[in-house]
Amino acid sequence: MWKEKEGKLVKDYTFNSFREAIDFINGVAELCERENHHPEIHNVYNRLTLTFCTHDAGDAITEKDFLLTRLIDQLI
């Protein structure tokens, strides 16, 4: 579940392996490139955190962020 934390949308993931985490990141990257909106990505081995806000809107959460989080949720 996505959570609002410090004015950003954040979600943590745990995968079975580093490879699975990277495969997921690559899927996220394709969506984000298509939508021209990109998250902060933090990956340590099989753990991943995605963070969204819209920098052009003063680092606020916008509809762009909600759209990408919905699309990303469909990857799993």
PDB file of N, CA and C in Angstrom:
ATOM      1  N   MET A   1       0.835  -1.175   0.000  1.00  0.00           N
ATOM      2  CA  MET A   1       0.000   0.000   0.000  1.00  0.00           C
ATOM      3  C   MET A   1       0.893   1.257   0.000  1.00  0.00           C
ATOM      4  N   TRP A   2       0.531   2.190  -0.841  1.00  0.00           N
ATOM      5  CA  TRP A   2       1.245   3.460  -0.900  1.00  0.00           C
ATOM      6  C   TRP A   2       0.883   4.292   0.320  1.00  0.00           C
ATOM      7  N   LYS A   3       1.893   4.938   0.893  1.00  0.00           N
ATOM      8  CA  LYS A   3       1.680   5.777   2.066  1.00  0.00           C
ATOM      9  C   LYS A   3       2.172   7.190   1.766  1.00  0.00           C
ATOM     10  N   GLU A   4       1.504   8.151   2.348  1.00  0.00           N
ATOM     11  CA  GLU A   4       2.002   9.520   2.256  1.00  0.00           C
ATOM     12  C   GLU A   4       2.972   9.733   3.409  1.00  0.00           C
ATOM     13  N   LYS A   5       4.196  10.113   3.058  1.00  0.00           N
ATOM     14  CA  LYS A   5       5.250  10.290   4.053  1.00  0.00           C
ATOM     15  C   LYS A   5       6.046  11.528   3.676  1.00  0.00           C
ATOM     16  N   GLU A   6       6.043  12.500   4.561  1.00  0.00           N
ATOM     17  CA  GLU A   6       6.788  13.742   4.346  1.00  0.00           C
ATOM     18  C   GLU A   6       6.417  14.391   3.012  1.00  0.00           C
ATOM     19  N   GLY A   7       5.129  14.367   2.679  1.00  0.00           N
ATOM     20  CA  GLY A   7       4.646  15.017   1.470  1.00  0.00           C
ATOM     21  C   GLY A   7       4.934  14.275   0.175  1.00  0.00           C
ATOM     22  N   LYS A   8       5.256  12.977   0.288  1.00  0.00           N
ATOM     23  CA  LYS A   8       5.529  12.159  -0.898  1.00  0.00           C
ATOM     24  C   LYS A   8       4.775  10.844  -0.782  1.00  0.00           C
ATOM     25  N   LEU A   9       4.535  10.197  -1.915  1.00  0.00           N
ATOM     26  CA  LEU A   9       3.952   8.859  -1.921  1.00  0.00           C
ATOM     27  C   LEU A   9       5.087   7.844  -1.908  1.00  0.00           C
ATOM     28  N   VAL A  10       5.033   6.903  -0.970  1.00  0.00           N
ATOM     29  CA  VAL A  10       6.134   5.963  -0.752  1.00  0.00           C
ATOM     30  C   VAL A  10       5.584   4.542  -0.639  1.00  0.00           C
ATOM     31  N   LYS A  11       6.314   3.606  -1.247  1.00  0.00           N
ATOM     32  CA  LYS A  11       5.960   2.190  -1.097  1.00  0.00           C
ATOM     33  C   LYS A  11       7.230   1.360  -1.034  1.00  0.00           C
ATOM     34  N   ASP A  12       7.247   0.414  -0.093  1.00  0.00           N
ATOM     35  CA  ASP A  12       8.370  -0.514   0.074  1.00  0.00           C
ATOM     36  C   ASP A  12       7.993  -1.870  -0.513  1.00  0.00           C
ATOM     37  N   TYR A  13       8.958  -2.512  -1.107  1.00  0.00           N
ATOM     38  CA  TYR A  13       8.779  -3.837  -1.697  1.00  0.00           C
ATOM     39  C   TYR A  13       9.899  -4.741  -1.211  1.00  0.00           C
ATOM     40  N   THR A  14       9.596  -6.034  -1.084  1.00  0.00           N
ATOM     41  CA  THR A  14      10.617  -7.041  -0.823  1.00  0.00           C
ATOM     42  C   THR A  14      10.423  -8.165  -1.837  1.00  0.00           C
ATOM     43  N   PHE A  15      11.491  -8.520  -2.512  1.00  0.00           N
ATOM     44  CA  PHE A  15      11.460  -9.560  -3.532  1.00  0.00           C
ATOM     45  C   PHE A  15      12.270 -10.758  -3.061  1.00  0.00           C
ATOM     46  N   ASN A  16      12.200 -11.842  -3.800  1.00  0.00           N
ATOM     47  CA  ASN A  16      12.941 -13.054  -3.435  1.00  0.00           C
ATOM     48  C   ASN A  16      14.425 -12.962  -3.741  1.00  0.00           C
ATOM     49  N   SER A  17      14.798 -12.044  -4.623  1.00  0.00           N
ATOM     50  CA  SER A  17      16.198 -11.941  -5.005  1.00  0.00           C
ATOM     51  C   SER A  17      16.490 -10.545  -5.561  1.00  0.00           C
ATOM     52  N   PHE A  18      17.756 -10.258  -5.701  1.00  0.00           N
ATOM     53  CA  PHE A  18      18.187  -9.014  -6.324  1.00  0.00           C
ATOM     54  C   PHE A  18      17.685  -8.953  -7.761  1.00  0.00           C
ATOM     55  N   ARG A  19      17.786 -10.059  -8.480  1.00  0.00           N
ATOM     56  CA  ARG A  19      17.347 -10.116  -9.878  1.00  0.00           C
ATOM     57  C   ARG A  19      15.871  -9.745 -10.009  1.00  0.00           C
ATOM     58  N   GLU A  20      15.023 -10.276  -9.127  1.00  0.00           N
ATOM     59  CA  GLU A  20      13.599  -9.940  -9.169  1.00  0.00           C
ATOM     60  C   GLU A  20      13.374  -8.450  -8.911  1.00  0.00           C
ATOM     61  N   ALA A  21      14.119  -7.895  -7.979  1.00  0.00           N
ATOM     62  CA  ALA A  21      13.997  -6.459  -7.689  1.00  0.00           C
ATOM     63  C   ALA A  21      14.383  -5.636  -8.918  1.00  0.00           C
ATOM     64  N   ILE A  22      15.465  -6.009  -9.567  1.00  0.00           N
ATOM     65  CA  ILE A  22      15.926  -5.271 -10.751  1.00  0.00           C
ATOM     66  C   ILE A  22      14.940  -5.431 -11.909  1.00  0.00           C
ATOM     67  N   ASP A  23      14.400  -6.606 -12.094  1.00  0.00           N
ATOM     68  CA  ASP A  23      13.393  -6.804 -13.145  1.00  0.00           C
ATOM     69  C   ASP A  23      12.187  -5.888 -12.905  1.00  0.00           C
ATOM     70  N   PHE A  24      11.761  -5.785 -11.661  1.00  0.00           N
ATOM     71  CA  PHE A  24      10.645  -4.903 -11.323  1.00  0.00           C
ATOM     72  C   PHE A  24      11.026  -3.440 -11.594  1.00  0.00           C
ATOM     73  N   ILE A  25      12.218  -3.047 -11.192  1.00  0.00           N
ATOM     74  CA  ILE A  25      12.687  -1.674 -11.447  1.00  0.00           C
ATOM     75  C   ILE A  25      12.658  -1.387 -12.945  1.00  0.00           C
ATOM     76  N   ASN A  26      13.075  -2.340 -13.755  1.00  0.00           N
ATOM     77  CA  ASN A  26      13.058  -2.137 -15.204  1.00  0.00           C
ATOM     78  C   ASN A  26      11.637  -1.945 -15.725  1.00  0.00           C
ATOM     79  N   GLY A  27      10.687  -2.683 -15.182  1.00  0.00           N
ATOM     80  CA  GLY A  27       9.285  -2.490 -15.563  1.00  0.00           C
ATOM     81  C   GLY A  27       8.784  -1.116 -15.153  1.00  0.00           C
ATOM     82  N   VAL A  28       9.145  -0.684 -13.955  1.00  0.00           N
ATOM     83  CA  VAL A  28       8.784   0.655 -13.478  1.00  0.00           C
ATOM     84  C   VAL A  28       9.398   1.705 -14.393  1.00  0.00           C
ATOM     85  N   ALA A  29      10.646   1.504 -14.779  1.00  0.00           N
ATOM     86  CA  ALA A  29      11.333   2.471 -15.637  1.00  0.00           C
ATOM     87  C   ALA A  29      10.610   2.637 -16.973  1.00  0.00           C
ATOM     88  N   GLU A  30      10.140   1.545 -17.546  1.00  0.00           N
ATOM     89  CA  GLU A  30       9.412   1.639 -18.815  1.00  0.00           C
ATOM     90  C   GLU A  30       8.145   2.466 -18.664  1.00  0.00           C
ATOM     91  N   LEU A  31       7.384   2.223 -17.607  1.00  0.00           N
ATOM     92  CA  LEU A  31       6.169   3.005 -17.370  1.00  0.00           C
ATOM     93  C   LEU A  31       6.489   4.488 -17.171  1.00  0.00           C
ATOM     94  N   CYS A  32       7.497   4.745 -16.383  1.00  0.00           N
ATOM     95  CA  CYS A  32       7.849   6.129 -16.055  1.00  0.00           C
ATOM     96  C   CYS A  32       8.368   6.879 -17.273  1.00  0.00           C
ATOM     97  N   GLU A  33       9.123   6.219 -18.103  1.00  0.00           N
ATOM     98  CA  GLU A  33       9.589   6.860 -19.337  1.00  0.00           C
ATOM     99  C   GLU A  33       8.409   7.195 -20.236  1.00  0.00           C
ATOM    100  N   ARG A  34       7.475   6.264 -20.354  1.00  0.00           N
ATOM    101  CA  ARG A  34       6.286   6.488 -21.184  1.00  0.00           C
ATOM    102  C   ARG A  34       5.472   7.680 -20.683  1.00  0.00           C
ATOM    103  N   GLU A  35       5.359   7.805 -19.358  1.00  0.00           N
ATOM    104  CA  GLU A  35       4.572   8.883 -18.763  1.00  0.00           C
ATOM    105  C   GLU A  35       5.399  10.147 -18.498  1.00  0.00           C
ATOM    106  N   ASN A  36       6.706  10.075 -18.716  1.00  0.00           N
ATOM    107  CA  ASN A  36       7.625  11.183 -18.468  1.00  0.00           C
ATOM    108  C   ASN A  36       7.487  11.719 -17.039  1.00  0.00           C
ATOM    109  N   HIS A  37       7.490  10.788 -16.100  1.00  0.00           N
ATOM    110  CA  HIS A  37       7.409  11.135 -14.678  1.00  0.00           C
ATOM    111  C   HIS A  37       8.170  10.059 -13.919  1.00  0.00           C
ATOM    112  N   HIS A  38       9.126  10.451 -13.100  1.00  0.00           N
ATOM    113  CA  HIS A  38      10.090   9.498 -12.566  1.00  0.00           C
ATOM    114  C   HIS A  38      10.173   9.535 -11.042  1.00  0.00           C
ATOM    115  N   PRO A  39      10.276   8.363 -10.412  1.00  0.00           N
ATOM    116  CA  PRO A  39      10.358   8.290  -8.955  1.00  0.00           C
ATOM    117  C   PRO A  39      11.802   8.357  -8.462  1.00  0.00           C
ATOM    118  N   GLU A  40      11.930   8.518  -7.166  1.00  0.00           N
ATOM    119  CA  GLU A  40      13.190   8.237  -6.496  1.00  0.00           C
ATOM    120  C   GLU A  40      13.180   6.727  -6.264  1.00  0.00           C
ATOM    121  N   ILE A  41      14.280   6.069  -6.563  1.00  0.00           N
ATOM    122  CA  ILE A  41      14.372   4.620  -6.412  1.00  0.00           C
ATOM    123  C   ILE A  41      15.528   4.305  -5.471  1.00  0.00           C
ATOM    124  N   HIS A  42      15.227   3.534  -4.438  1.00  0.00           N
ATOM    125  CA  HIS A  42      16.268   3.093  -3.506  1.00  0.00           C
ATOM    126  C   HIS A  42      16.216   1.575  -3.456  1.00  0.00           C
ATOM    127  N   ASN A  43      17.315   0.932  -3.822  1.00  0.00           N
ATOM    128  CA  ASN A  43      17.372  -0.525  -3.886  1.00  0.00           C
ATOM    129  C   ASN A  43      18.562  -1.036  -3.096  1.00  0.00           C
ATOM    130  N   VAL A  44      18.306  -1.986  -2.201  1.00  0.00           N
ATOM    131  CA  VAL A  44      19.363  -2.702  -1.491  1.00  0.00           C
ATOM    132  C   VAL A  44      19.023  -4.184  -1.591  1.00  0.00           C
ATOM    133  N   TYR A  45      19.827  -4.886  -2.354  1.00  0.00           N
ATOM    134  CA  TYR A  45      19.656  -6.308  -2.638  1.00  0.00           C
ATOM    135  C   TYR A  45      18.227  -6.602  -3.096  1.00  0.00           C
ATOM    136  N   ASN A  46      17.388  -7.189  -2.238  1.00  0.00           N
ATOM    137  CA  ASN A  46      16.036  -7.558  -2.665  1.00  0.00           C
ATOM    138  C   ASN A  46      14.972  -6.582  -2.141  1.00  0.00           C
ATOM    139  N   ARG A  47      15.411  -5.496  -1.528  1.00  0.00           N
ATOM    140  CA  ARG A  47      14.472  -4.512  -0.979  1.00  0.00           C
ATOM    141  C   ARG A  47      14.492  -3.255  -1.838  1.00  0.00           C
ATOM    142  N   LEU A  48      13.319  -2.708  -2.054  1.00  0.00           N
ATOM    143  CA  LEU A  48      13.167  -1.569  -2.940  1.00  0.00           C
ATOM    144  C   LEU A  48      12.176  -0.586  -2.323  1.00  0.00           C
ATOM    145  N   THR A  49      12.489   0.694  -2.433  1.00  0.00           N
ATOM    146  CA  THR A  49      11.552   1.744  -2.041  1.00  0.00           C
ATOM    147  C   THR A  49      11.392   2.690  -3.215  1.00  0.00           C
ATOM    148  N   LEU A  50      10.124   2.963  -3.573  1.00  0.00           N
ATOM    149  CA  LEU A  50       9.802   3.950  -4.598  1.00  0.00           C
ATOM    150  C   LEU A  50       9.167   5.147  -3.917  1.00  0.00           C
ATOM    151  N   THR A  51       9.562   6.341  -4.353  1.00  0.00           N
ATOM    152  CA  THR A  51       9.038   7.579  -3.781  1.00  0.00           C
ATOM    153  C   THR A  51       8.651   8.509  -4.914  1.00  0.00           C
ATOM    154  N   PHE A  52       7.420   9.015  -4.855  1.00  0.00           N
ATOM    155  CA  PHE A  52       6.919   9.924  -5.883  1.00  0.00           C
ATOM    156  C   PHE A  52       6.497  11.258  -5.303  1.00  0.00           C
ATOM    157  N   CYS A  53       6.845  12.315  -6.011  1.00  0.00           N
ATOM    158  CA  CYS A  53       6.267  13.644  -5.860  1.00  0.00           C
ATOM    159  C   CYS A  53       6.546  14.347  -7.192  1.00  0.00           C
ATOM    160  N   THR A  54       5.899  15.470  -7.404  1.00  0.00           N
ATOM    161  CA  THR A  54       6.084  16.184  -8.668  1.00  0.00           C
ATOM    162  C   THR A  54       6.963  17.394  -8.420  1.00  0.00           C
ATOM    163  N   HIS A  55       8.194  17.313  -8.901  1.00  0.00           N
ATOM    164  CA  HIS A  55       9.164  18.385  -8.668  1.00  0.00           C
ATOM    165  C   HIS A  55       8.710  19.702  -9.287  1.00  0.00           C
ATOM    166  N   ASP A  56       8.074  19.633 -10.468  1.00  0.00           N
ATOM    167  CA  ASP A  56       7.599  20.852 -11.143  1.00  0.00           C
ATOM    168  C   ASP A  56       6.483  21.550 -10.383  1.00  0.00           C
ATOM    169  N   ALA A  57       5.876  20.839  -9.424  1.00  0.00           N
ATOM    170  CA  ALA A  57       4.784  21.420  -8.630  1.00  0.00           C
ATOM    171  C   ALA A  57       5.258  21.710  -7.202  1.00  0.00           C
ATOM    172  N   GLY A  58       6.541  21.986  -7.066  1.00  0.00           N
ATOM    173  CA  GLY A  58       7.084  22.299  -5.747  1.00  0.00           C
ATOM    174  C   GLY A  58       7.187  21.087  -4.838  1.00  0.00           C
ATOM    175  N   ASP A  59       7.459  19.922  -5.429  1.00  0.00           N
ATOM    176  CA  ASP A  59       7.585  18.658  -4.698  1.00  0.00           C
ATOM    177  C   ASP A  59       6.291  18.241  -4.007  1.00  0.00           C
ATOM    178  N   ALA A  60       5.164  18.630  -4.577  1.00  0.00           N
ATOM    179  CA  ALA A  60       3.858  18.232  -4.051  1.00  0.00           C
ATOM    180  C   ALA A  60       3.408  16.943  -4.729  1.00  0.00           C
ATOM    181  N   ILE A  61       2.436  16.274  -4.122  1.00  0.00           N
ATOM    182  CA  ILE A  61       1.820  15.109  -4.727  1.00  0.00           C
ATOM    183  C   ILE A  61       0.742  15.602  -5.685  1.00  0.00           C
ATOM    184  N   THR A  62       0.811  15.115  -6.932  1.00  0.00           N
ATOM    185  CA  THR A  62      -0.159  15.525  -7.944  1.00  0.00           C
ATOM    186  C   THR A  62      -0.793  14.301  -8.588  1.00  0.00           C
ATOM    187  N   GLU A  63      -1.712  14.541  -9.509  1.00  0.00           N
ATOM    188  CA  GLU A  63      -2.359  13.445 -10.228  1.00  0.00           C
ATOM    189  C   GLU A  63      -1.338  12.596 -10.984  1.00  0.00           C
ATOM    190  N   LYS A  64      -0.232  13.201 -11.446  1.00  0.00           N
ATOM    191  CA  LYS A  64       0.822  12.421 -12.116  1.00  0.00           C
ATOM    192  C   LYS A  64       1.324  11.306 -11.200  1.00  0.00           C
ATOM    193  N   ASP A  65       1.501  11.637  -9.927  1.00  0.00           N
ATOM    194  CA  ASP A  65       2.008  10.650  -8.968  1.00  0.00           C
ATOM    195  C   ASP A  65       0.996   9.535  -8.743  1.00  0.00           C
ATOM    196  N   PHE A  66      -0.274   9.914  -8.578  1.00  0.00           N
ATOM    197  CA  PHE A  66      -1.313   8.904  -8.373  1.00  0.00           C
ATOM    198  C   PHE A  66      -1.457   8.005  -9.608  1.00  0.00           C
ATOM    199  N   LEU A  67      -1.350   8.578 -10.797  1.00  0.00           N
ATOM    200  CA  LEU A  67      -1.424   7.781 -12.022  1.00  0.00           C
ATOM    201  C   LEU A  67      -0.311   6.740 -12.060  1.00  0.00           C
ATOM    202  N   LEU A  68       0.921   7.166 -11.809  1.00  0.00           N
ATOM    203  CA  LEU A  68       2.045   6.224 -11.873  1.00  0.00           C
ATOM    204  C   LEU A  68       1.937   5.165 -10.797  1.00  0.00           C
ATOM    205  N   THR A  69       1.495   5.525  -9.601  1.00  0.00           N
ATOM    206  CA  THR A  69       1.374   4.501  -8.559  1.00  0.00           C
ATOM    207  C   THR A  69       0.328   3.462  -8.935  1.00  0.00           C
ATOM    208  N   ARG A  70      -0.757   3.882  -9.570  1.00  0.00           N
ATOM    209  CA  ARG A  70      -1.767   2.911 -10.018  1.00  0.00           C
ATOM    210  C   ARG A  70      -1.197   1.997 -11.103  1.00  0.00           C
ATOM    211  N   LEU A  71      -0.463   2.569 -12.043  1.00  0.00           N
ATOM    212  CA  LEU A  71       0.143   1.755 -13.112  1.00  0.00           C
ATOM    213  C   LEU A  71       1.167   0.772 -12.545  1.00  0.00           C
ATOM    214  N   ILE A  72       1.965   1.224 -11.601  1.00  0.00           N
ATOM    215  CA  ILE A  72       2.974   0.359 -10.993  1.00  0.00           C
ATOM    216  C   ILE A  72       2.307  -0.775 -10.232  1.00  0.00           C
ATOM    217  N   ASP A  73       1.212  -0.483  -9.544  1.00  0.00           N
ATOM    218  CA  ASP A  73       0.507  -1.537  -8.807  1.00  0.00           C
ATOM    219  C   ASP A  73       0.025  -2.640  -9.734  1.00  0.00           C
ATOM    220  N   GLN A  74      -0.200  -2.341 -10.981  1.00  0.00           N
ATOM    221  CA  GLN A  74      -0.648  -3.347 -11.945  1.00  0.00           C
ATOM    222  C   GLN A  74       0.481  -4.267 -12.398  1.00  0.00           C
ATOM    223  N   LEU A  75       1.732  -3.887 -12.140  1.00  0.00           N
ATOM    224  CA  LEU A  75       2.873  -4.732 -12.526  1.00  0.00           C
ATOM    225  C   LEU A  75       2.979  -5.991 -11.675  1.00  0.00           C
ATOM    226  N   ILE A  76       2.473  -5.930 -10.462  1.00  0.00           N
ATOM    227  CA  ILE A  76       2.632  -7.067  -9.539  1.00  0.00           C
ATOM    228  C   ILE A  76       1.395  -7.933  -9.547  1.00  0.00           C
TER     229      ILE A  76
END
